C-alpha atoms as a PDB file:
ATOM      1  CA  MET A   1       0.000   0.000   0.000  1.00  0.00           C
ATOM      2  CA  SER A   2       2.881   2.378   0.794  1.00  0.00           C
ATOM      3  CA  GLU A   3       5.225   1.397  -2.042  1.00  0.00           C
ATOM      4  CA  ASN A   4       3.930   4.003  -4.476  1.00  0.00           C
ATOM      5  CA  ALA A   5       3.958   6.726  -1.842  1.00  0.00           C
ATOM      6  CA  ARG A   6       7.565   5.935  -0.994  1.00  0.00           C
ATOM      7  CA  LYS A   7       8.539   5.966  -4.665  1.00  0.00           C
ATOM      8  CA  TYR A   8       6.944   9.373  -5.052  1.00  0.00           C
ATOM      9  CA  ARG A   9       8.479  10.729  -1.865  1.00  0.00           C
ATOM     10  CA  ALA A  10      11.895   9.578  -3.105  1.00  0.00           C
ATOM     11  CA  LEU A  11      11.331  11.458  -6.362  1.00  0.00           C
ATOM     12  CA  LEU A  12      10.427  14.615  -4.430  1.00  0.00           C
ATOM     13  CA  ASN A  13      13.448  14.246  -2.168  1.00  0.00           C
ATOM     14  CA  SER A  14      15.767  13.677  -5.144  1.00  0.00           C
ATOM     15  CA  GLY A  15      15.451  17.273  -6.237  1.00  0.00           C
ATOM     16  CA  ASP A  16      14.593  16.253  -9.795  1.00  0.00           C
ATOM     17  CA  PHE A  17      12.092  18.370 -11.684  1.00  0.00           C
ATOM     18  CA  LEU A  18       8.944  16.285 -12.016  1.00  0.00           C
ATOM     19  CA  VAL A  19       6.541  16.373 -14.954  1.00  0.00           C
ATOM     20  CA  SER A  20       3.179  14.749 -14.209  1.00  0.00           C
ATOM     21  CA  PRO A  21       0.887  14.342 -17.221  1.00  0.00           C
ATOM     22  CA  GLY A  22      -2.772  14.276 -16.303  1.00  0.00           C
ATOM     23  CA  VAL A  23      -4.380  10.844 -16.691  1.00  0.00           C
ATOM     24  CA  TYR A  24      -7.953   9.656 -16.555  1.00  0.00           C
ATOM     25  CA  ASP A  25      -8.092   5.988 -17.624  1.00  0.00           C
ATOM     26  CA  GLY A  26      -6.048   2.854 -18.308  1.00  0.00           C
ATOM     27  CA  TYR A  27      -4.988   3.915 -21.794  1.00  0.00           C
ATOM     28  CA  SER A  28      -3.728   7.343 -20.736  1.00  0.00           C
ATOM     29  CA  VAL A  29      -1.797   6.165 -17.675  1.00  0.00           C
ATOM     30  CA  ARG A  30      -0.169   3.269 -19.534  1.00  0.00           C
ATOM     31  CA  LEU A  31       0.872   5.632 -22.318  1.00  0.00           C
ATOM     32  CA  VAL A  32       2.473   7.972 -19.774  1.00  0.00           C
ATOM     33  CA  GLU A  33       4.453   5.108 -18.272  1.00  0.00           C
ATOM     34  CA  ALA A  34       5.444   3.773 -21.705  1.00  0.00           C
ATOM     35  CA  ALA A  35       6.670   7.239 -22.693  1.00  0.00           C
ATOM     36  CA  GLY A  36       9.114   7.177 -19.777  1.00  0.00           C
ATOM     37  CA  PHE A  37       7.547   9.675 -17.385  1.00  0.00           C
ATOM     38  CA  LYS A  38       8.353   8.923 -13.755  1.00  0.00           C
ATOM     39  CA  THR A  39       4.953   9.863 -12.374  1.00  0.00           C
ATOM     40  CA  ALA A  40       1.454  10.929 -13.394  1.00  0.00           C
ATOM     41  CA  ALA A  41      -1.486  12.681 -11.779  1.00  0.00           C
ATOM     42  CA  THR A  42      -5.168  12.006 -12.168  1.00  0.00           C
ATOM     43  CA  SER A  43      -7.026  15.023 -13.458  1.00  0.00           C
ATOM     44  CA  GLY A  44     -10.232  15.583 -11.525  1.00  0.00           C
ATOM     45  CA  ALA A  45     -11.656  17.510 -14.456  1.00  0.00           C
ATOM     46  CA  ALA A  46     -10.792  14.775 -16.945  1.00  0.00           C
ATOM     47  CA  VAL A  47     -12.120  12.017 -14.687  1.00  0.00           C
ATOM     48  CA  SER A  48     -15.369  13.913 -14.145  1.00  0.00           C
ATOM     49  CA  ASN A  49     -15.680  14.667 -17.858  1.00  0.00           C
ATOM     50  CA  THR A  50     -14.947  11.134 -19.042  1.00  0.00           C
ATOM     51  CA  LEU A  51     -16.486   9.074 -16.248  1.00  0.00           C
ATOM     52  CA  LEU A  52     -19.693  11.059 -15.820  1.00  0.00           C
ATOM     53  CA  GLY A  53     -19.863  13.001 -19.068  1.00  0.00           C
ATOM     54  CA  GLU A  54     -20.360  16.165 -17.004  1.00  0.00           C
ATOM     55  CA  PRO A  55     -18.450  19.420 -16.377  1.00  0.00           C
ATOM     56  CA  ASP A  56     -15.975  19.649 -13.511  1.00  0.00           C
ATOM     57  CA  ALA A  57     -18.406  21.410 -11.195  1.00  0.00           C
ATOM     58  CA  GLY A  58     -18.394  19.284  -8.053  1.00  0.00           C
ATOM     59  CA  VAL A  59     -20.708  16.612  -9.466  1.00  0.00           C
ATOM     60  CA  MET A  60     -18.357  13.638  -8.992  1.00  0.00           C
ATOM     61  CA  GLY A  61     -18.481  11.972  -5.574  1.00  0.00           C
ATOM     62  CA  LEU A  62     -15.809  10.453  -3.366  1.00  0.00           C
ATOM     63  CA  SER A  63     -16.525   6.791  -4.104  1.00  0.00           C
ATOM     64  CA  GLU A  64     -16.620   7.357  -7.860  1.00  0.00           C
ATOM     65  CA  ASN A  65     -13.287   9.172  -7.739  1.00  0.00           C
ATOM     66  CA  VAL A  66     -11.517   6.734  -5.403  1.00  0.00           C
ATOM     67  CA  ASN A  67     -12.665   3.631  -7.239  1.00  0.00           C
ATOM     68  CA  HIS A  68     -11.593   5.033 -10.590  1.00  0.00           C
ATOM     69  CA  CYS A  69      -8.197   6.107  -9.214  1.00  0.00           C
ATOM     70  CA  ARG A  70      -7.680   2.630  -7.738  1.00  0.00           C
ATOM     71  CA  HIS A  71      -7.925   1.062 -11.195  1.00  0.00           C
ATOM     72  CA  ILE A  72      -5.599   3.668 -12.673  1.00  0.00           C
ATOM     73  CA  ALA A  73      -2.961   3.260  -9.940  1.00  0.00           C
ATOM     74  CA  ARG A  74      -2.908  -0.537 -10.034  1.00  0.00           C
ATOM     75  CA  SER A  75      -2.378  -0.695 -13.800  1.00  0.00           C
ATOM     76  CA  VAL A  76       1.135   0.805 -13.836  1.00  0.00           C
ATOM     77  CA  GLY A  77       4.372   0.715 -11.879  1.00  0.00           C
ATOM     78  CA  ILE A  78       4.928   4.473 -11.601  1.00  0.00           C
ATOM     79  CA  PRO A  79       3.454   6.403  -8.662  1.00  0.00           C
ATOM     80  CA  ILE A  80       0.194   8.233  -9.293  1.00  0.00           C
ATOM     81  CA  THR A  81      -1.152  11.185  -7.345  1.00  0.00           C
ATOM     82  CA  ALA A  82      -4.878  11.884  -7.223  1.00  0.00           C
ATOM     83  CA  ASP A  83      -7.120  14.922  -7.242  1.00  0.00           C
ATOM     84  CA  ALA A  84      -9.297  14.713  -4.132  1.00  0.00           C
ATOM     85  CA  ASP A  85     -11.170  17.965  -4.794  1.00  0.00           C
ATOM     86  CA  THR A  86     -12.094  19.674  -1.503  1.00  0.00           C
ATOM     87  CA  GLY A  87     -11.738  16.477   0.528  1.00  0.00           C
ATOM     88  CA  TYR A  88     -15.498  15.953   0.186  1.00  0.00           C
ATOM     89  CA  GLY A  89     -16.602  17.848   3.261  1.00  0.00           C
ATOM     90  CA  ASN A  90     -15.339  19.026   6.624  1.00  0.00           C
ATOM     91  CA  PRO A  91     -12.093  17.920   8.350  1.00  0.00           C
ATOM     92  CA  MET A  92     -13.688  14.644   9.456  1.00  0.00           C
ATOM     93  CA  ASN A  93     -14.639  13.903   5.857  1.00  0.00           C
ATOM     94  CA  VAL A  94     -11.077  14.735   4.819  1.00  0.00           C
ATOM     95  CA  HIS A  95      -9.815  12.162   7.324  1.00  0.00           C
ATOM     96  CA  TYR A  96     -11.761   9.370   5.618  1.00  0.00           C
ATOM     97  CA  THR A  97     -11.034  10.711   2.152  1.00  0.00           C
ATOM     98  CA  VAL A  98      -7.274  10.514   2.702  1.00  0.00           C
ATOM     99  CA  GLN A  99      -7.491   7.022   4.158  1.00  0.00           C
ATOM    100  CA  MET A 100      -9.540   5.796   1.209  1.00  0.00           C
ATOM    101  CA  PHE A 101      -7.168   7.240  -1.382  1.00  0.00           C
ATOM    102  CA  GLU A 102      -4.155   5.838   0.468  1.00  0.00           C
ATOM    103  CA  GLU A 103      -5.819   2.413   0.563  1.00  0.00           C
ATOM    104  CA  ALA A 104      -6.463   2.756  -3.197  1.00  0.00           C
ATOM    105  CA  GLY A 105      -2.707   2.729  -3.807  1.00  0.00           C
ATOM    106  CA  VAL A 106      -2.113   6.296  -4.941  1.00  0.00           C
ATOM    107  CA  ALA A 107       0.987   8.154  -3.757  1.00  0.00           C
ATOM    108  CA  GLY A 108      -0.655  11.347  -2.560  1.00  0.00           C
ATOM    109  CA  VAL A 109      -3.585  13.699  -3.012  1.00  0.00           C
ATOM    110  CA  ASN A 110      -4.393  17.306  -3.821  1.00  0.00           C
ATOM    111  CA  ILE A 111      -6.921  18.871  -1.485  1.00  0.00           C
ATOM    112  CA  GLU A 112      -8.143  22.344  -2.334  1.00  0.00           C
ATOM    113  CA  ASP A 113      -9.497  25.278  -0.377  1.00  0.00           C
ATOM    114  CA  GLN A 114     -12.507  26.002  -2.578  1.00  0.00           C
ATOM    115  CA  VAL A 115     -16.010  26.244  -1.222  1.00  0.00           C
ATOM    116  CA  SER A 116     -17.955  23.065  -1.940  1.00  0.00           C
ATOM    117  CA  PRO A 117     -19.266  22.255  -4.485  1.00  0.00           C
ATOM    118  CA  LYS A 118     -15.982  23.135  -6.176  1.00  0.00           C
ATOM    119  CA  ARG A 119     -15.457  23.982  -9.828  1.00  0.00           C
ATOM    120  CA  CYS A 120     -12.582  23.761 -12.283  1.00  0.00           C
ATOM    121  CA  GLY A 121      -9.802  26.062 -11.113  1.00  0.00           C
ATOM    122  CA  HIS A 122      -9.843  27.968 -14.393  1.00  0.00           C
ATOM    123  CA  MET A 123     -13.582  28.672 -14.359  1.00  0.00           C
ATOM    124  CA  PRO A 124     -15.076  31.944 -13.074  1.00  0.00           C
ATOM    125  CA  GLY A 125     -17.224  32.036  -9.965  1.00  0.00           C
ATOM    126  CA  LYS A 126     -14.822  30.343  -7.538  1.00  0.00           C
ATOM    127  CA  ASP A 127     -14.762  31.053  -3.818  1.00  0.00           C
ATOM    128  CA  VAL A 128     -12.538  29.799  -1.007  1.00  0.00           C
ATOM    129  CA  ILE A 129     -13.174  28.768   2.579  1.00  0.00           C
ATOM    130  CA  PRO A 130     -11.564  30.608   5.516  1.00  0.00           C
ATOM    131  CA  THR A 131      -7.868  29.849   6.023  1.00  0.00           C
ATOM    132  CA  GLU A 132      -8.461  28.512   9.537  1.00  0.00           C
ATOM    133  CA  GLU A 133     -10.976  25.980   8.247  1.00  0.00           C
ATOM    134  CA  PHE A 134      -8.573  24.709   5.613  1.00  0.00           C
ATOM    135  CA  LEU A 135      -5.759  24.422   8.154  1.00  0.00           C
ATOM    136  CA  LYS A 136      -7.928  21.925  10.039  1.00  0.00           C
ATOM    137  CA  LYS A 137      -8.378  19.985   6.805  1.00  0.00           C
ATOM    138  CA  ILE A 138      -4.599  19.797   6.391  1.00  0.00           C
ATOM    139  CA  GLU A 139      -4.282  18.650   9.998  1.00  0.00           C
ATOM    140  CA  ALA A 140      -6.919  15.973   9.383  1.00  0.00           C
ATOM    141  CA  ALA A 141      -5.178  14.821   6.212  1.00  0.00           C
ATOM    142  CA  CYS A 142      -1.800  14.506   7.916  1.00  0.00           C
ATOM    143  CA  LEU A 143      -3.274  12.607  10.860  1.00  0.00           C
ATOM    144  CA  ALA A 144      -5.236  10.259   8.618  1.00  0.00           C
ATOM    145  CA  ARG A 145      -2.400   8.933   6.490  1.00  0.00           C
ATOM    146  CA  ARG A 146      -0.928   5.682   7.722  1.00  0.00           C
ATOM    147  CA  ASP A 147       2.442   6.234   6.064  1.00  0.00           C
ATOM    148  CA  ASP A 148       4.109   9.624   6.350  1.00  0.00           C
ATOM    149  CA  ALA A 149       5.453   9.116   2.826  1.00  0.00           C
ATOM    150  CA  PHE A 150       1.929   9.694   1.474  1.00  0.00           C
ATOM    151  CA  VAL A 151       2.026  13.235   0.072  1.00  0.00           C
ATOM    152  CA  ILE A 152      -0.477  15.896   1.088  1.00  0.00           C
ATOM    153  CA  CYS A 153      -0.562  18.614  -1.546  1.00  0.00           C
ATOM    154  CA  ALA A 154      -2.496  21.713  -0.481  1.00  0.00           C
ATOM    155  CA  ARG A 155      -4.052  23.532  -3.407  1.00  0.00           C
ATOM    156  CA  THR A 156      -5.177  27.132  -3.127  1.00  0.00           C
ATOM    157  CA  ASP A 157      -7.531  28.845  -5.556  1.00  0.00           C
ATOM    158  CA  ALA A 158      -7.167  32.141  -3.711  1.00  0.00           C
ATOM    159  CA  ILE A 159      -5.405  34.094  -6.473  1.00  0.00           C
ATOM    160  CA  ALA A 160      -8.717  34.734  -8.226  1.00  0.00           C
ATOM    161  CA  VAL A 161     -10.433  35.685  -4.955  1.00  0.00           C
ATOM    162  CA  GLU A 162      -7.825  37.307  -2.695  1.00  0.00           C
ATOM    163  CA  GLY A 163      -5.065  38.189  -5.145  1.00  0.00           C
ATOM    164  CA  ILE A 164      -1.496  36.944  -5.050  1.00  0.00           C
ATOM    165  CA  GLU A 165      -0.933  38.409  -1.578  1.00  0.00           C
ATOM    166  CA  GLY A 166      -3.761  36.371  -0.112  1.00  0.00           C
ATOM    167  CA  ALA A 167      -2.613  33.264  -1.945  1.00  0.00           C
ATOM    168  CA  CYS A 168       0.908  33.690  -0.563  1.00  0.00           C
ATOM    169  CA  ARG A 169      -0.385  34.060   2.990  1.00  0.00           C
ATOM    170  CA  ARG A 170      -2.353  30.870   2.534  1.00  0.00           C
ATOM    171  CA  ALA A 171       0.581  29.020   0.965  1.00  0.00           C
ATOM    172  CA  ARG A 172       2.806  29.850   3.925  1.00  0.00           C
ATOM    173  CA  ALA A 173       0.140  28.880   6.455  1.00  0.00           C
ATOM    174  CA  TYR A 174      -0.642  25.620   4.640  1.00  0.00           C
ATOM    175  CA  ALA A 175       3.017  24.623   4.563  1.00  0.00           C
ATOM    176  CA  GLU A 176       3.423  25.446   8.250  1.00  0.00           C
ATOM    177  CA  ALA A 177       0.350  23.302   8.999  1.00  0.00           C
ATOM    178  CA  GLY A 178       2.074  20.253   7.489  1.00  0.00           C
ATOM    179  CA  ALA A 179       1.327  20.248   3.750  1.00  0.00           C
ATOM    180  CA  ASP A 180       4.143  18.538   1.845  1.00  0.00           C
ATOM    181  CA  MET A 181       3.570  20.495  -1.352  1.00  0.00           C
ATOM    182  CA  ILE A 182       1.778  23.676  -2.375  1.00  0.00           C
ATOM    183  CA  PHE A 183      -0.277  24.019  -5.530  1.00  0.00           C
ATOM    184  CA  ALA A 184      -1.477  27.526  -6.376  1.00  0.00           C
ATOM    185  CA  ASP A 185      -3.869  27.095  -9.269  1.00  0.00           C
ATOM    186  CA  ALA A 186      -4.498  29.538 -12.111  1.00  0.00           C
ATOM    187  CA  VAL A 187      -1.226  31.431 -11.665  1.00  0.00           C
ATOM    188  CA  ARG A 188      -1.139  34.427 -13.986  1.00  0.00           C
ATOM    189  CA  SER A 189       2.557  35.132 -14.441  1.00  0.00           C
ATOM    190  CA  GLU A 190       6.131  34.292 -13.512  1.00  0.00           C
ATOM    191  CA  ASP A 191       5.860  36.881 -10.755  1.00  0.00           C
ATOM    192  CA  ASP A 192       2.946  34.954  -9.220  1.00  0.00           C
ATOM    193  CA  ILE A 193       4.972  31.740  -9.297  1.00  0.00           C
ATOM    194  CA  ALA A 194       8.048  33.346  -7.766  1.00  0.00           C
ATOM    195  CA  ALA A 195       5.956  34.816  -4.960  1.00  0.00           C
ATOM    196  CA  ILE A 196       4.309  31.463  -4.158  1.00  0.00           C
ATOM    197  CA  VAL A 197       7.665  29.646  -4.161  1.00  0.00           C
ATOM    198  CA  ASP A 198       9.138  32.239  -1.796  1.00  0.00           C
ATOM    199  CA  ALA A 199       6.131  32.036   0.523  1.00  0.00           C
ATOM    200  CA  ALA A 200       5.708  28.270   0.606  1.00  0.00           C
ATOM    201  CA  ARG A 201       9.204  27.045   1.536  1.00  0.00           C
ATOM    202  CA  VAL A 202       8.125  23.519   0.609  1.00  0.00           C
ATOM    203  CA  PRO A 203       7.984  22.038  -2.911  1.00  0.00           C
ATOM    204  CA  VAL A 204       5.668  23.958  -5.236  1.00  0.00           C
ATOM    205  CA  THR A 205       3.757  22.481  -8.155  1.00  0.00           C
ATOM    206  CA  VAL A 206       2.260  24.464 -11.018  1.00  0.00           C
ATOM    207  CA  ASN A 207      -0.549  23.549 -13.397  1.00  0.00           C
ATOM    208  CA  MET A 208       0.731  23.941 -16.962  1.00  0.00           C
ATOM    209  CA  GLY A 209      -2.630  22.914 -18.407  1.00  0.00           C
ATOM    210  CA  PHE A 210      -2.283  21.724 -21.987  1.00  0.00           C
ATOM    211  CA  GLY A 211       1.520  21.670 -21.808  1.00  0.00           C
ATOM    212  CA  ILE A 212       2.042  22.091 -25.539  1.00  0.00           C
ATOM    213  CA  ARG A 213      -0.711  24.621 -26.225  1.00  0.00           C
ATOM    214  CA  SER A 214      -1.374  27.977 -24.589  1.00  0.00           C
ATOM    215  CA  ARG A 215      -4.522  28.728 -22.630  1.00  0.00           C
ATOM    216  CA  PRO A 216      -6.066  32.072 -21.627  1.00  0.00           C
ATOM    217  CA  THR A 217      -5.663  31.688 -17.872  1.00  0.00           C
ATOM    218  CA  THR A 218      -2.075  30.444 -17.400  1.00  0.00           C
ATOM    219  CA  PRO A 219       0.969  31.262 -19.549  1.00  0.00           C
ATOM    220  CA  LEU A 220       3.148  28.559 -21.084  1.00  0.00           C
ATOM    221  CA  ILE A 221       6.504  28.899 -19.353  1.00  0.00           C
ATOM    222  CA  PRO A 222       9.598  26.931 -20.464  1.00  0.00           C
ATOM    223  CA  ILE A 223      10.713  24.212 -18.067  1.00  0.00           C
ATOM    224  CA  PRO A 224      14.204  25.734 -17.569  1.00  0.00           C
ATOM    225  CA  ARG A 225      12.552  28.966 -16.483  1.00  0.00           C
ATOM    226  CA  LEU A 226      10.216  27.130 -14.098  1.00  0.00           C
ATOM    227  CA  LYS A 227      13.231  25.388 -12.578  1.00  0.00           C
ATOM    228  CA  ALA A 228      14.949  28.740 -12.162  1.00  0.00           C
ATOM    229  CA  LEU A 229      11.874  30.082 -10.386  1.00  0.00           C
ATOM    230  CA  GLY A 230      12.098  27.202  -7.894  1.00  0.00           C
ATOM    231  CA  VAL A 231       9.172  25.086  -9.110  1.00  0.00           C
ATOM    232  CA  ARG A 232       9.645  21.374  -8.348  1.00  0.00           C
ATOM    233  CA  ARG A 233       6.800  19.839 -10.337  1.00  0.00           C
ATOM    234  CA  ILE A 234       4.338  20.644 -13.079  1.00  0.00           C
ATOM    235  CA  SER A 235       1.067  18.895 -13.857  1.00  0.00           C
ATOM    236  CA  LEU A 236      -0.445  18.735 -17.339  1.00  0.00           C
ATOM    237  CA  PRO A 237      -4.101  17.910 -16.620  1.00  0.00           C
ATOM    238  CA  ARG A 238      -5.550  18.921 -19.982  1.00  0.00           C
ATOM    239  CA  MET A 239      -2.898  17.681 -22.429  1.00  0.00           C
ATOM    240  CA  LEU A 240      -3.914  14.049 -22.894  1.00  0.00           C
ATOM    241  CA  PRO A 241      -7.697  14.590 -22.795  1.00  0.00           C
ATOM    242  CA  ALA A 242      -7.317  17.346 -25.400  1.00  0.00           C
ATOM    243  CA  ALA A 243      -5.095  15.140 -27.576  1.00  0.00           C
ATOM    244  CA  ALA A 244      -7.588  12.272 -27.325  1.00  0.00           C
ATOM    245  CA  ILE A 245     -10.506  14.541 -28.259  1.00  0.00           C
ATOM    246  CA  TYR A 246      -8.579  15.865 -31.260  1.00  0.00           C
ATOM    247  CA  GLY A 247      -7.688  12.367 -32.460  1.00  0.00           C
ATOM    248  CA  MET A 248     -11.192  10.980 -32.015  1.00  0.00           C
ATOM    249  CA  ARG A 249     -12.725  13.981 -33.757  1.00  0.00           C
ATOM    250  CA  GLU A 250     -10.428  13.543 -36.783  1.00  0.00           C
ATOM    251  CA  ALA A 251     -11.174   9.814 -37.018  1.00  0.00           C
ATOM    252  CA  LEU A 252     -14.908  10.456 -36.839  1.00  0.00           C
ATOM    253  CA  LYS A 253     -14.668  13.021 -39.652  1.00  0.00           C
ATOM    254  CA  VAL A 254     -13.019  10.418 -41.873  1.00  0.00           C
ATOM    255  CA  MET A 255     -15.642   7.833 -40.932  1.00  0.00           C
ATOM    256  CA  GLN A 256     -18.412  10.275 -41.854  1.00  0.00           C
ATOM    257  CA  GLU A 257     -16.773  10.643 -45.281  1.00  0.00           C
ATOM    258  CA  VAL A 258     -16.724   6.851 -45.624  1.00  0.00           C
ATOM    259  CA  VAL A 259     -20.422   6.705 -44.788  1.00  0.00           C
ATOM    260  CA  ALA A 260     -21.221   9.464 -47.284  1.00  0.00           C
ATOM    261  CA  THR A 261     -19.118   8.163 -50.197  1.00  0.00           C
ATOM    262  CA  GLY A 262     -19.266   4.430 -49.595  1.00  0.00           C
ATOM    263  CA  GLN A 263     -15.508   4.292 -50.212  1.00  0.00           C
ATOM    264  CA  PRO A 264     -13.343   2.641 -47.535  1.00  0.00           C
ATOM    265  CA  ALA A 265     -10.451   4.573 -46.043  1.00  0.00           C
ATOM    266  CA  ASP A 266      -7.210   3.086 -44.765  1.00  0.00           C
ATOM    267  CA  ARG A 267      -5.737   5.748 -42.482  1.00  0.00           C
ATOM    268  CA  PRO A 268      -2.878   4.393 -40.357  1.00  0.00           C
ATOM    269  CA  ASP A 269      -1.830   8.012 -39.831  1.00  0.00           C
ATOM    270  CA  LEU A 270      -4.934   8.472 -37.676  1.00  0.00           C
ATOM    271  CA  LEU A 271      -5.126   5.180 -35.795  1.00  0.00           C
ATOM    272  CA  VAL A 272      -2.747   2.790 -34.086  1.00  0.00           C
ATOM    273  CA  GLY A 273      -3.079  -0.890 -34.966  1.00  0.00           C
ATOM    274  CA  ILE A 274      -4.457  -3.712 -32.860  1.00  0.00           C
ATOM    275  CA  ASP A 275      -0.909  -4.860 -32.083  1.00  0.00           C
ATOM    276  CA  ASP A 276      -0.189  -1.457 -30.559  1.00  0.00           C
ATOM    277  CA  ILE A 277      -3.257  -1.706 -28.338  1.00  0.00           C
ATOM    278  CA  MET A 278      -2.370  -5.217 -27.216  1.00  0.00           C
ATOM    279  CA  GLU A 279       1.222  -4.232 -26.466  1.00  0.00           C
ATOM    280  CA  LEU A 280       0.135  -1.197 -24.462  1.00  0.00           C
ATOM    281  CA  MET A 281      -2.369  -3.170 -22.408  1.00  0.00           C
ATOM    282  CA  GLY A 282      -0.072  -6.134 -21.672  1.00  0.00           C
ATOM    283  CA  TYR A 283      -1.773  -8.879 -23.665  1.00  0.00           C
ATOM    284  CA  GLU A 284       1.464 -10.827 -24.124  1.00  0.00           C
ATOM    285  CA  ALA A 285       2.050 -11.078 -20.377  1.00  0.00           C
ATOM    286  CA  MET A 286      -1.571 -12.119 -19.940  1.00  0.00           C
ATOM    287  CA  ARG A 287      -1.140 -14.892 -22.496  1.00  0.00           C
ATOM    288  CA  GLU A 288       2.014 -16.104 -20.771  1.00  0.00           C
ATOM    289  CA  ARG A 289       0.139 -16.331 -17.480  1.00  0.00           C
ATOM    290  CA  GLU A 290      -2.745 -18.036 -19.238  1.00  0.00           C
ATOM    291  CA  ALA A 291      -0.436 -20.642 -20.777  1.00  0.00           C
ATOM    292  CA  LYS A 292       1.063 -21.387 -17.348  1.00  0.00           C
ATOM    293  CA  LEU A 293      -2.102 -21.387 -15.263  1.00  0.00           C
ATOM    294  CA  MET A 294      -4.434 -23.083 -17.732  1.00  0.00           C
ATOM    295  CA  ARG A 295      -2.074 -25.941 -18.501  1.00  0.00           C
ATOM    296  CA  PHE A 296      -3.209 -28.984 -16.499  1.00  0.00           C
ATOM    297  CA  ASP A 297      -3.492 -32.727 -16.827  1.00  0.00           C
ATOM    298  CA  VAL A 298      -7.047 -33.901 -17.571  1.00  0.00           C
ATOM    299  CA  SER A 299      -6.159 -37.566 -18.072  1.00  0.00           C
ATOM    300  CA  GLY A 300      -6.684 -38.459 -14.427  1.00  0.00           C
ATOM    301  CA  SER A 301      -3.343 -40.231 -14.227  1.00  0.00           C
END
């Protein structure tokens, strides 16, 4: 249960700059591992969008999130962190939330200071709970974990509500309360990032969104510059969902043309082959196990 948390804690302690693509299912997390990334992070928005088919507006519940993250974490060997939204209630709820995610095999969780029901950090209309209330949530999270290696990442959405000064005050208080990492969402500039890093004095993670495409709410900043600013980790929650949507949309366009013209299309530039899918999902290892376990003597001798 603690192996993944200890792997992740070792990565944090190594001082390496960590890049955590956002994942939301077995395909995405296996692709991240196959690409050589050392860690990944579930995207609460992507899980809500893909699992429920709904916006990231606090609709997804604790059990849905935990159960989905359990399947994601068990399917790879790299440590996965999870998005636990607001902790699903008051400090007592946070206690059980952390225990359930730890039992699910993830390496750590984000817990945010938004008012519940929360909404995507880049949507308008956010609000945050009082600092003192969130400090009790951090205390509950730290007390609940069974292994101190399990990472508690405190996310603040206060920039949009209280400005960078308020977010910095919260970052410092959250770190002093025991948070292992600080995540200030929807940062607006390098100056915002530098201020959060200076205030936090623990590892800071930044949401780089699409990673390879700009977005209106957060600038794309080169990794060397982020390192220079003192950032220890970036998450890319929107990159893989956006890439998947683009690919599926293009394939569907071609299929509509096939339907309209009656002419088949062979487009290996748009689709991987069945061998690629089987390799990604570990079919060969499954067949090896099958050959070993299903081989038995039925002669009765």
